[in-house]
Amino acid sequence: MFISNWIDINKQEPQDRQSCLIYTQRGKIFRAEWYKGKNHKGDWHYSNRYYDSSTAIYWMPLPSAPNTNDEYNFEDDFFGAVINCAIRYACGRQSYMPSLVISVVKPMLPLLNDKTIGCMERDIREADKFGGYGDERIDKPMWLDFLKYIQDLMDKRGIERWQ
């Protein structure tokens, strides 16, 4: 049996300023924020624009990040490979996926081993050679900010850049 977590916007609205995944009338999925209050009658904000409430027909709350590192061995190469697969999958996508993956991976970075971080940095740095970062105005700046964050961490830990 399949259980859907999507909520019909006509049956229940998100809380004001709640971040959500939305399913649009055109069958697209985006990460968006819901605004309703003094200046908004019920608007979605994503891709640096506001859209009226009819844009999305379903929504769901964002999934929570893992709570503790007790559930995972962050230093394991297998775990690192899975994390890097998520980065590779998300890089170049023009959807909610890059922001979702970055928001989940970023808090884990200090816990990951040097091999995982080095591989991740190289993959993001070389993304232009393999299809790019996605949208030049939206996705690329997000990936480059994340890359800078990773490189700063590498410098603090003394991790060499991969060639």
C-alpha atoms as a PDB file:
ATOM      1  CA  MET A   1       0.000   0.000   0.000  1.00  0.00           C
ATOM      2  CA  PHE A   2       1.311   3.469  -0.925  1.00  0.00           C
ATOM      3  CA  ILE A   3       0.772   6.237   1.606  1.00  0.00           C
ATOM      4  CA  SER A   4       1.237   9.749   0.328  1.00  0.00           C
ATOM      5  CA  ASN A   5       2.410  12.597   2.546  1.00  0.00           C
ATOM      6  CA  TRP A   6       1.077  15.219   0.114  1.00  0.00           C
ATOM      7  CA  ILE A   7      -1.573  17.526   1.594  1.00  0.00           C
ATOM      8  CA  ASP A   8      -4.298  19.103  -0.541  1.00  0.00           C
ATOM      9  CA  ILE A   9      -3.864  22.897  -0.241  1.00  0.00           C
ATOM     10  CA  ASN A  10      -7.662  23.297  -0.256  1.00  0.00           C
ATOM     11  CA  LYS A  11      -7.974  21.086   2.824  1.00  0.00           C
ATOM     12  CA  GLN A  12      -5.063  22.421   4.879  1.00  0.00           C
ATOM     13  CA  GLU A  13      -2.666  25.315   4.479  1.00  0.00           C
ATOM     14  CA  PRO A  14       0.896  25.391   5.847  1.00  0.00           C
ATOM     15  CA  GLN A  15       1.765  27.717   8.705  1.00  0.00           C
ATOM     16  CA  ASP A  16       2.870  31.230   7.765  1.00  0.00           C
ATOM     17  CA  ARG A  17       6.501  31.233   6.532  1.00  0.00           C
ATOM     18  CA  GLN A  18       6.694  27.427   6.597  1.00  0.00           C
ATOM     19  CA  SER A  19       9.157  25.823   4.168  1.00  0.00           C
ATOM     20  CA  CYS A  20       7.551  23.044   2.162  1.00  0.00           C
ATOM     21  CA  LEU A  21       7.756  20.927  -0.923  1.00  0.00           C
ATOM     22  CA  ILE A  22       5.015  21.884  -3.362  1.00  0.00           C
ATOM     23  CA  TYR A  23       3.496  20.000  -6.278  1.00  0.00           C
ATOM     24  CA  THR A  24       2.331  22.437  -8.962  1.00  0.00           C
ATOM     25  CA  GLN A  25      -0.517  22.270 -11.449  1.00  0.00           C
ATOM     26  CA  ARG A  26       2.119  21.515 -14.107  1.00  0.00           C
ATOM     27  CA  GLY A  27       3.391  18.450 -12.263  1.00  0.00           C
ATOM     28  CA  LYS A  28       6.618  20.034 -10.983  1.00  0.00           C
ATOM     29  CA  ILE A  29       7.997  19.791  -7.456  1.00  0.00           C
ATOM     30  CA  PHE A  30       9.713  22.764  -5.798  1.00  0.00           C
ATOM     31  CA  ARG A  31      10.925  23.801  -2.370  1.00  0.00           C
ATOM     32  CA  ALA A  32       8.905  26.884  -1.404  1.00  0.00           C
ATOM     33  CA  GLU A  33       7.806  28.998   1.531  1.00  0.00           C
ATOM     34  CA  TRP A  34       4.177  29.778   2.300  1.00  0.00           C
ATOM     35  CA  TYR A  35       3.290  33.347   3.258  1.00  0.00           C
ATOM     36  CA  LYS A  36      -0.087  34.354   4.624  1.00  0.00           C
ATOM     37  CA  GLY A  37      -0.747  37.335   6.795  1.00  0.00           C
ATOM     38  CA  LYS A  38      -0.756  41.114   6.748  1.00  0.00           C
ATOM     39  CA  ASN A  39       0.936  41.524   3.337  1.00  0.00           C
ATOM     40  CA  HIS A  40       0.074  38.180   1.743  1.00  0.00           C
ATOM     41  CA  LYS A  41      -3.256  36.523   1.030  1.00  0.00           C
ATOM     42  CA  GLY A  42      -1.639  33.122   0.661  1.00  0.00           C
ATOM     43  CA  ASP A  43       1.435  33.155  -1.568  1.00  0.00           C
ATOM     44  CA  TRP A  44       4.200  30.706  -2.416  1.00  0.00           C
ATOM     45  CA  HIS A  45       7.752  32.018  -2.653  1.00  0.00           C
ATOM     46  CA  TYR A  46      10.323  30.114  -4.709  1.00  0.00           C
ATOM     47  CA  SER A  47      12.840  30.864  -7.449  1.00  0.00           C
ATOM     48  CA  ASN A  48      13.092  34.404  -6.029  1.00  0.00           C
ATOM     49  CA  ARG A  49       9.450  35.207  -6.883  1.00  0.00           C
ATOM     50  CA  TYR A  50       6.029  35.109  -5.272  1.00  0.00           C
ATOM     51  CA  TYR A  51       3.271  32.987  -6.808  1.00  0.00           C
ATOM     52  CA  ASP A  52      -0.388  32.971  -5.788  1.00  0.00           C
ATOM     53  CA  SER A  53      -1.854  30.077  -3.842  1.00  0.00           C
ATOM     54  CA  SER A  54      -3.329  28.415  -6.942  1.00  0.00           C
ATOM     55  CA  THR A  55       0.189  27.608  -8.213  1.00  0.00           C
ATOM     56  CA  ALA A  56       0.463  24.559  -5.958  1.00  0.00           C
ATOM     57  CA  ILE A  57      -2.224  21.935  -5.573  1.00  0.00           C
ATOM     58  CA  TYR A  58      -0.413  19.839  -2.947  1.00  0.00           C
ATOM     59  CA  TRP A  59       2.275  20.501  -0.343  1.00  0.00           C
ATOM     60  CA  MET A  60       4.190  18.642   2.330  1.00  0.00           C
ATOM     61  CA  PRO A  61       6.520  19.698   5.143  1.00  0.00           C
ATOM     62  CA  LEU A  62      10.237  19.310   4.465  1.00  0.00           C
ATOM     63  CA  PRO A  63      11.716  16.137   5.904  1.00  0.00           C
ATOM     64  CA  SER A  64      13.834  16.628   8.995  1.00  0.00           C
ATOM     65  CA  ALA A  65      17.574  16.074   8.968  1.00  0.00           C
ATOM     66  CA  PRO A  66      18.956  13.151  10.965  1.00  0.00           C
ATOM     67  CA  ASN A  67      18.887  13.955  14.676  1.00  0.00           C
ATOM     68  CA  THR A  68      22.020  12.248  15.927  1.00  0.00           C
ATOM     69  CA  ASN A  69      25.117  10.643  14.560  1.00  0.00           C
ATOM     70  CA  ASP A  70      24.408   7.532  16.667  1.00  0.00           C
ATOM     71  CA  GLU A  71      22.420   6.100  13.740  1.00  0.00           C
ATOM     72  CA  TYR A  72      25.254   6.441  11.211  1.00  0.00           C
ATOM     73  CA  ASN A  73      28.982   5.910  10.999  1.00  0.00           C
ATOM     74  CA  PHE A  74      29.840   9.227   9.355  1.00  0.00           C
ATOM     75  CA  GLU A  75      33.503   8.287   8.951  1.00  0.00           C
ATOM     76  CA  ASP A  76      32.737   5.114   7.011  1.00  0.00           C
ATOM     77  CA  ASP A  77      33.722   5.124   3.310  1.00  0.00           C
ATOM     78  CA  PHE A  78      30.427   3.434   2.422  1.00  0.00           C
ATOM     79  CA  PHE A  79      28.417   6.211   4.091  1.00  0.00           C
ATOM     80  CA  GLY A  80      30.628   8.794   2.365  1.00  0.00           C
ATOM     81  CA  ALA A  81      30.008   7.157  -1.007  1.00  0.00           C
ATOM     82  CA  VAL A  82      26.248   7.403  -0.478  1.00  0.00           C
ATOM     83  CA  ILE A  83      26.543  11.086   0.483  1.00  0.00           C
ATOM     84  CA  ASN A  84      28.656  11.806  -2.601  1.00  0.00           C
ATOM     85  CA  CYS A  85      26.118   9.984  -4.775  1.00  0.00           C
ATOM     86  CA  ALA A  86      23.445  12.361  -3.456  1.00  0.00           C
ATOM     87  CA  ILE A  87      25.672  15.351  -4.297  1.00  0.00           C
ATOM     88  CA  ARG A  88      26.328  14.012  -7.814  1.00  0.00           C
ATOM     89  CA  TYR A  89      22.633  13.338  -8.375  1.00  0.00           C
ATOM     90  CA  ALA A  90      21.597  16.825  -7.227  1.00  0.00           C
ATOM     91  CA  CYS A  91      24.312  18.773  -9.063  1.00  0.00           C
ATOM     92  CA  GLY A  92      22.904  20.084 -12.328  1.00  0.00           C
ATOM     93  CA  ARG A  93      19.268  19.535 -11.356  1.00  0.00           C
ATOM     94  CA  GLN A  94      16.919  22.472 -11.700  1.00  0.00           C
ATOM     95  CA  SER A  95      14.514  21.518  -8.944  1.00  0.00           C
ATOM     96  CA  TYR A  96      14.227  21.445  -5.169  1.00  0.00           C
ATOM     97  CA  MET A  97      16.880  18.691  -5.029  1.00  0.00           C
ATOM     98  CA  PRO A  98      20.064  20.824  -4.821  1.00  0.00           C
ATOM     99  CA  SER A  99      18.812  22.879  -1.864  1.00  0.00           C
ATOM    100  CA  LEU A 100      17.442  19.762  -0.164  1.00  0.00           C
ATOM    101  CA  VAL A 101      20.691  17.790  -0.540  1.00  0.00           C
ATOM    102  CA  ILE A 102      22.885  20.732   0.484  1.00  0.00           C
ATOM    103  CA  SER A 103      20.725  21.447   3.545  1.00  0.00           C
ATOM    104  CA  VAL A 104      21.011  17.811   4.673  1.00  0.00           C
ATOM    105  CA  VAL A 105      24.726  17.334   3.884  1.00  0.00           C
ATOM    106  CA  LYS A 106      26.090  20.659   5.156  1.00  0.00           C
ATOM    107  CA  PRO A 107      25.548  19.948   8.889  1.00  0.00           C
ATOM    108  CA  MET A 108      27.211  16.524   8.427  1.00  0.00           C
ATOM    109  CA  LEU A 109      30.415  17.874   6.840  1.00  0.00           C
ATOM    110  CA  PRO A 110      32.441  18.230  10.058  1.00  0.00           C
ATOM    111  CA  LEU A 111      31.673  14.575  10.838  1.00  0.00           C
ATOM    112  CA  LEU A 112      32.648  13.141   7.423  1.00  0.00           C
ATOM    113  CA  ASN A 113      36.077  11.675   6.700  1.00  0.00           C
ATOM    114  CA  ASP A 114      38.745  13.451   4.632  1.00  0.00           C
ATOM    115  CA  LYS A 115      38.277  11.118   1.653  1.00  0.00           C
ATOM    116  CA  THR A 116      34.558  11.875   1.405  1.00  0.00           C
ATOM    117  CA  ILE A 117      35.101  15.623   1.720  1.00  0.00           C
ATOM    118  CA  GLY A 118      37.951  15.644  -0.821  1.00  0.00           C
ATOM    119  CA  CYS A 119      35.887  13.723  -3.356  1.00  0.00           C
ATOM    120  CA  MET A 120      32.870  15.981  -2.774  1.00  0.00           C
ATOM    121  CA  GLU A 121      34.927  19.154  -3.220  1.00  0.00           C
ATOM    122  CA  ARG A 122      36.427  17.879  -6.492  1.00  0.00           C
ATOM    123  CA  ASP A 123      33.038  16.793  -7.857  1.00  0.00           C
ATOM    124  CA  ILE A 124      31.439  20.178  -7.155  1.00  0.00           C
ATOM    125  CA  ARG A 125      34.500  22.132  -8.362  1.00  0.00           C
ATOM    126  CA  GLU A 126      34.508  20.196 -11.659  1.00  0.00           C
ATOM    127  CA  ALA A 127      30.740  20.219 -12.226  1.00  0.00           C
ATOM    128  CA  ASP A 128      31.087  22.583 -15.204  1.00  0.00           C
ATOM    129  CA  LYS A 129      32.957  19.786 -17.041  1.00  0.00           C
ATOM    130  CA  PHE A 130      30.071  17.358 -16.533  1.00  0.00           C
ATOM    131  CA  GLY A 131      26.892  19.250 -17.320  1.00  0.00           C
ATOM    132  CA  GLY A 132      27.142  22.271 -15.038  1.00  0.00           C
ATOM    133  CA  TYR A 133      25.430  23.393 -11.867  1.00  0.00           C
ATOM    134  CA  GLY A 134      21.896  23.816 -13.162  1.00  0.00           C
ATOM    135  CA  ASP A 135      20.350  27.253 -13.489  1.00  0.00           C
ATOM    136  CA  GLU A 136      23.081  29.932 -13.702  1.00  0.00           C
ATOM    137  CA  ARG A 137      21.143  32.415 -11.558  1.00  0.00           C
ATOM    138  CA  ILE A 138      19.666  30.097  -8.928  1.00  0.00           C
ATOM    139  CA  ASP A 139      21.571  26.832  -8.648  1.00  0.00           C
ATOM    140  CA  LYS A 140      25.131  27.834  -9.542  1.00  0.00           C
ATOM    141  CA  PRO A 141      25.513  30.474  -6.779  1.00  0.00           C
ATOM    142  CA  MET A 142      24.151  27.954  -4.248  1.00  0.00           C
ATOM    143  CA  TRP A 143      26.673  25.302  -5.361  1.00  0.00           C
ATOM    144  CA  LEU A 144      29.559  27.781  -5.362  1.00  0.00           C
ATOM    145  CA  ASP A 145      28.669  28.959  -1.818  1.00  0.00           C
ATOM    146  CA  PHE A 146      28.576  25.324  -0.694  1.00  0.00           C
ATOM    147  CA  LEU A 147      31.917  24.679  -2.437  1.00  0.00           C
ATOM    148  CA  LYS A 148      33.490  27.631  -0.579  1.00  0.00           C
ATOM    149  CA  TYR A 149      32.138  26.249   2.713  1.00  0.00           C
ATOM    150  CA  ILE A 150      33.706  22.852   1.938  1.00  0.00           C
ATOM    151  CA  GLN A 151      37.031  24.417   0.915  1.00  0.00           C
ATOM    152  CA  ASP A 152      37.159  26.463   4.130  1.00  0.00           C
ATOM    153  CA  LEU A 153      36.589  23.276   6.126  1.00  0.00           C
ATOM    154  CA  MET A 154      39.319  21.507   4.132  1.00  0.00           C
ATOM    155  CA  ASP A 155      41.745  24.345   4.867  1.00  0.00           C
ATOM    156  CA  LYS A 156      40.971  24.153   8.607  1.00  0.00           C
ATOM    157  CA  ARG A 157      41.499  20.371   8.608  1.00  0.00           C
ATOM    158  CA  GLY A 158      44.536  20.444   6.326  1.00  0.00           C
ATOM    159  CA  ILE A 159      42.897  18.348   3.617  1.00  0.00           C
ATOM    160  CA  GLU A 160      44.682  18.577   0.229  1.00  0.00           C
ATOM    161  CA  ARG A 161      42.652  19.407  -2.895  1.00  0.00           C
ATOM    162  CA  TRP A 162      42.155  16.437  -5.200  1.00  0.00           C
ATOM    163  CA  GLN A 163      43.332  16.778  -8.810  1.00  0.00           C
END
